[in-house]
Structure formats: C-alpha cells, structure tokens
Amino acid sequence: MKPWLKRTFVGIFGASALVGGMAACSHDHYRHGGWQSMNDEDVAKFKSRAADKIAGKLDLDADQKAKLALLMDRLQEQRAALRGSGDPRRDVEALIKDGTFDRWHAQDLVNAKLTAVRDKSPQVIAAMADFYDTLRPEQQAKVREFLQRAGG
C-alpha cells in the first residue's frame, strides 16, 4: 500500500475516533437519567432490583446473595473511582480550551483513571472470585451460558 494512502486511512480513522469521542462526551446524561443523575437512594433501589433479578435467575442462597451484594458494592466503588469527582465533559473541554491540546493535563487525567483501576481492581477481582467460587456447578454453567449469549 502506498504511504500516502496509509496516511489518509490513518487520518480518517483518527478523525472519526476523535469526533466519536467528542460526541460520546457531549451526551447529556444528567437530563436523560442514568447513573450520573441517581442519588444514593436510587442507586440502592437499582442494586436491590438487580440483585433480586440475578438471585432469582441463579437460585442463590443467603450466603451467595451476600457475596453478590459485596460484588455489586465493589463494582460501584470502582465505577465511582473511575468517574472521579469532576465532570468528564468539563475535563475534555479544558483540554481543548486554547489553541493547542493540553497534553500534560490529558496525561494527568489518564493517570488518575489508571490509578483508580490499579487501586480498586484487586477488591473487585476478590469479590468476583468469592461470589463465583460459592456458586454450584449448575449455577456456574448458567453464568457462563449468559456470558456467551451476551457476547455474541
């Protein structure tokens, strides 16, 4: 393939990725609901309904339900750590407010996300392992089947 053609394809892909990322960040989650607009009570209700649905499909006992609740709490903590305390849209806007892209601030944002993943992931993995290991073989098979269906 000719070098100019490669550069053209890379440029088009890069531009489309940038535009797609900006479009994703510009979506107003606060107006349309979602996790961002939920208060603590709404989050608790959502987690309770999700836990009840999962428990019903897998026929969980009390110990398994407790492990599932702990897993959901750890996942929510991980999500909150990844989201951070700021507004992601404002963070992206701050990167492009001048005539040049603020590379240092962008790297700081990435480093903050990486730190959140590194710090919280062991707890998420432990909670997932504890939950999965308490499942009976037929329950584990249901989980694997669900993941296969969801992936395809």
Protein backbone atom coordinates (compact mmCIF):
# COMPACT_ATOMS: atom_id res chain seq x y z
CA MET A 1 0.00 0.00 0.00
CA LYS A 2 1.32 3.44 -0.87
CA PRO A 3 2.44 5.63 2.06
CA TRP A 4 0.09 8.48 1.21
CA LEU A 5 -2.84 6.08 1.14
CA LYS A 6 -1.88 4.66 4.56
CA ARG A 7 -1.63 8.18 6.00
CA THR A 8 -5.03 9.03 4.56
CA PHE A 9 -6.67 5.99 6.15
CA VAL A 10 -4.95 6.62 9.49
CA GLY A 11 -6.00 10.28 9.35
CA ILE A 12 -9.62 9.41 8.57
CA PHE A 13 -9.69 6.80 11.33
CA GLY A 14 -8.12 9.20 13.83
CA ALA A 15 -10.52 11.99 12.96
CA SER A 16 -13.54 9.70 13.20
CA ALA A 17 -12.34 8.39 16.58
CA LEU A 18 -11.91 11.95 17.85
CA VAL A 19 -15.34 13.04 16.60
CA GLY A 20 -16.92 9.89 18.05
CA GLY A 21 -15.27 10.50 21.40
CA MET A 22 -16.41 14.10 21.47
CA ALA A 23 -19.95 13.06 20.56
CA ALA A 24 -19.95 10.48 23.35
CA CYS A 25 -18.74 13.05 25.86
CA SER A 26 -21.28 15.63 24.74
CA HIS A 27 -24.28 13.44 25.57
CA ASP A 28 -26.24 15.00 28.40
CA HIS A 29 -26.60 12.17 30.93
CA TYR A 30 -27.98 14.48 33.61
CA ARG A 31 -31.06 15.35 31.65
CA HIS A 32 -31.69 11.83 30.40
CA GLY A 33 -31.11 9.98 33.64
CA GLY A 34 -28.64 7.20 34.13
CA TRP A 35 -26.19 6.53 36.93
CA GLN A 36 -24.90 10.09 36.95
CA SER A 37 -28.24 11.57 37.96
CA MET A 38 -29.10 8.93 40.55
CA ASN A 39 -28.97 9.81 44.20
CA ASP A 40 -27.91 7.27 46.82
CA GLU A 41 -31.48 6.07 47.35
CA ASP A 42 -31.98 5.44 43.62
CA VAL A 43 -28.67 3.57 43.39
CA ALA A 44 -29.69 1.39 46.35
CA LYS A 45 -33.05 0.60 44.70
CA PHE A 46 -31.36 -0.23 41.40
CA LYS A 47 -28.81 -2.50 43.09
CA SER A 48 -31.57 -4.21 45.07
CA ARG A 49 -33.65 -4.88 41.95
CA ALA A 50 -30.61 -6.13 40.03
CA ALA A 51 -29.56 -8.38 42.90
CA ASP A 52 -33.10 -9.80 43.19
CA LYS A 53 -33.20 -10.49 39.45
CA ILE A 54 -29.80 -12.21 39.47
CA ALA A 55 -30.68 -14.16 42.61
CA GLY A 56 -33.91 -15.34 41.01
CA LYS A 57 -32.26 -16.50 37.80
CA LEU A 58 -29.42 -18.30 39.59
CA ASP A 59 -31.46 -19.51 42.60
CA LEU A 60 -28.96 -18.09 45.10
CA ASP A 61 -28.90 -18.93 48.78
CA ALA A 62 -28.35 -16.32 51.54
CA ASP A 63 -24.54 -16.62 51.55
CA GLN A 64 -24.39 -16.28 47.78
CA LYS A 65 -26.69 -13.25 47.91
CA ALA A 66 -24.36 -11.62 50.44
CA LYS A 67 -21.36 -12.29 48.16
CA LEU A 68 -23.30 -10.86 45.22
CA ALA A 69 -24.16 -7.72 47.21
CA LEU A 70 -20.49 -7.29 48.12
CA LEU A 71 -19.51 -7.70 44.46
CA MET A 72 -22.04 -5.08 43.39
CA ASP A 73 -20.74 -2.69 46.05
CA ARG A 74 -17.16 -3.19 44.87
CA LEU A 75 -18.18 -2.61 41.25
CA GLN A 76 -19.98 0.59 42.23
CA GLU A 77 -16.92 1.77 44.17
CA GLN A 78 -14.73 1.04 41.14
CA ARG A 79 -17.09 2.95 38.90
CA ALA A 80 -17.16 5.93 41.25
CA ALA A 81 -13.35 5.92 41.44
CA LEU A 82 -13.09 5.84 37.65
CA ARG A 83 -15.61 8.63 37.26
CA GLY A 84 -13.81 10.81 39.78
CA SER A 85 -15.22 13.88 41.40
CA GLY A 86 -15.14 16.15 38.37
CA ASP A 87 -17.32 16.42 35.32
CA PRO A 88 -15.76 14.42 32.44
CA ARG A 89 -17.20 16.78 29.86
CA ARG A 90 -15.61 19.78 31.58
CA ASP A 91 -12.31 17.89 31.75
CA VAL A 92 -12.34 17.33 27.97
CA GLU A 93 -13.37 20.92 27.35
CA ALA A 94 -10.43 22.09 29.49
CA LEU A 95 -8.06 20.10 27.26
CA ILE A 96 -9.10 21.99 24.14
CA LYS A 97 -9.92 25.45 25.50
CA ASP A 98 -6.79 27.01 23.98
CA GLY A 99 -5.30 26.82 20.52
CA THR A 100 -3.34 23.68 21.46
CA PHE A 101 -4.31 20.41 23.04
CA ASP A 102 -3.21 20.27 26.71
CA ARG A 103 -1.20 17.04 26.61
CA TRP A 104 0.00 17.27 30.21
CA HIS A 105 -3.49 17.63 31.62
CA ALA A 106 -4.70 14.82 29.36
CA GLN A 107 -1.95 12.55 30.68
CA ASP A 108 -2.88 13.52 34.25
CA LEU A 109 -6.48 12.50 33.55
CA VAL A 110 -5.35 9.15 32.13
CA ASN A 111 -3.01 8.59 35.08
CA ALA A 112 -5.86 9.27 37.52
CA LYS A 113 -8.02 6.64 35.78
CA LEU A 114 -5.16 4.14 35.76
CA THR A 115 -4.57 4.74 39.47
CA ALA A 116 -8.26 4.17 40.19
CA VAL A 117 -8.18 0.88 38.28
CA ARG A 118 -4.94 -0.23 39.93
CA ASP A 119 -6.16 0.62 43.44
CA LYS A 120 -9.69 -0.80 43.23
CA SER A 121 -9.27 -3.79 40.89
CA PRO A 122 -7.89 -6.24 43.47
CA GLN A 123 -11.02 -5.76 45.59
CA VAL A 124 -13.29 -6.23 42.56
CA ILE A 125 -11.42 -9.36 41.50
CA ALA A 126 -11.55 -10.79 45.03
CA ALA A 127 -15.29 -10.10 45.32
CA MET A 128 -15.95 -11.66 41.90
CA ALA A 129 -13.86 -14.72 42.77
CA ASP A 130 -15.58 -15.11 46.15
CA PHE A 131 -19.01 -14.89 44.53
CA TYR A 132 -18.23 -17.22 41.63
CA ASP A 133 -16.49 -19.80 43.82
CA THR A 134 -19.58 -20.09 46.05
CA LEU A 135 -21.80 -20.97 43.08
CA ARG A 136 -22.76 -24.57 42.49
CA PRO A 137 -21.63 -26.11 39.17
CA GLU A 138 -25.07 -25.69 37.58
CA GLN A 139 -25.13 -22.02 38.64
CA GLN A 140 -21.65 -21.50 37.20
CA ALA A 141 -22.85 -23.08 33.95
CA LYS A 142 -25.74 -20.58 33.83
CA VAL A 143 -23.30 -17.69 34.29
CA ARG A 144 -21.04 -18.98 31.51
CA GLU A 145 -24.05 -19.52 29.23
CA PHE A 146 -25.29 -15.99 29.89
CA LEU A 147 -21.86 -14.54 29.11
CA GLN A 148 -21.68 -16.49 25.86
CA ARG A 149 -25.12 -15.25 24.79
CA ALA A 150 -24.34 -11.67 25.79
CA GLY A 151 -21.04 -11.73 23.90
CA GLY A 152 -22.49 -12.99 20.64
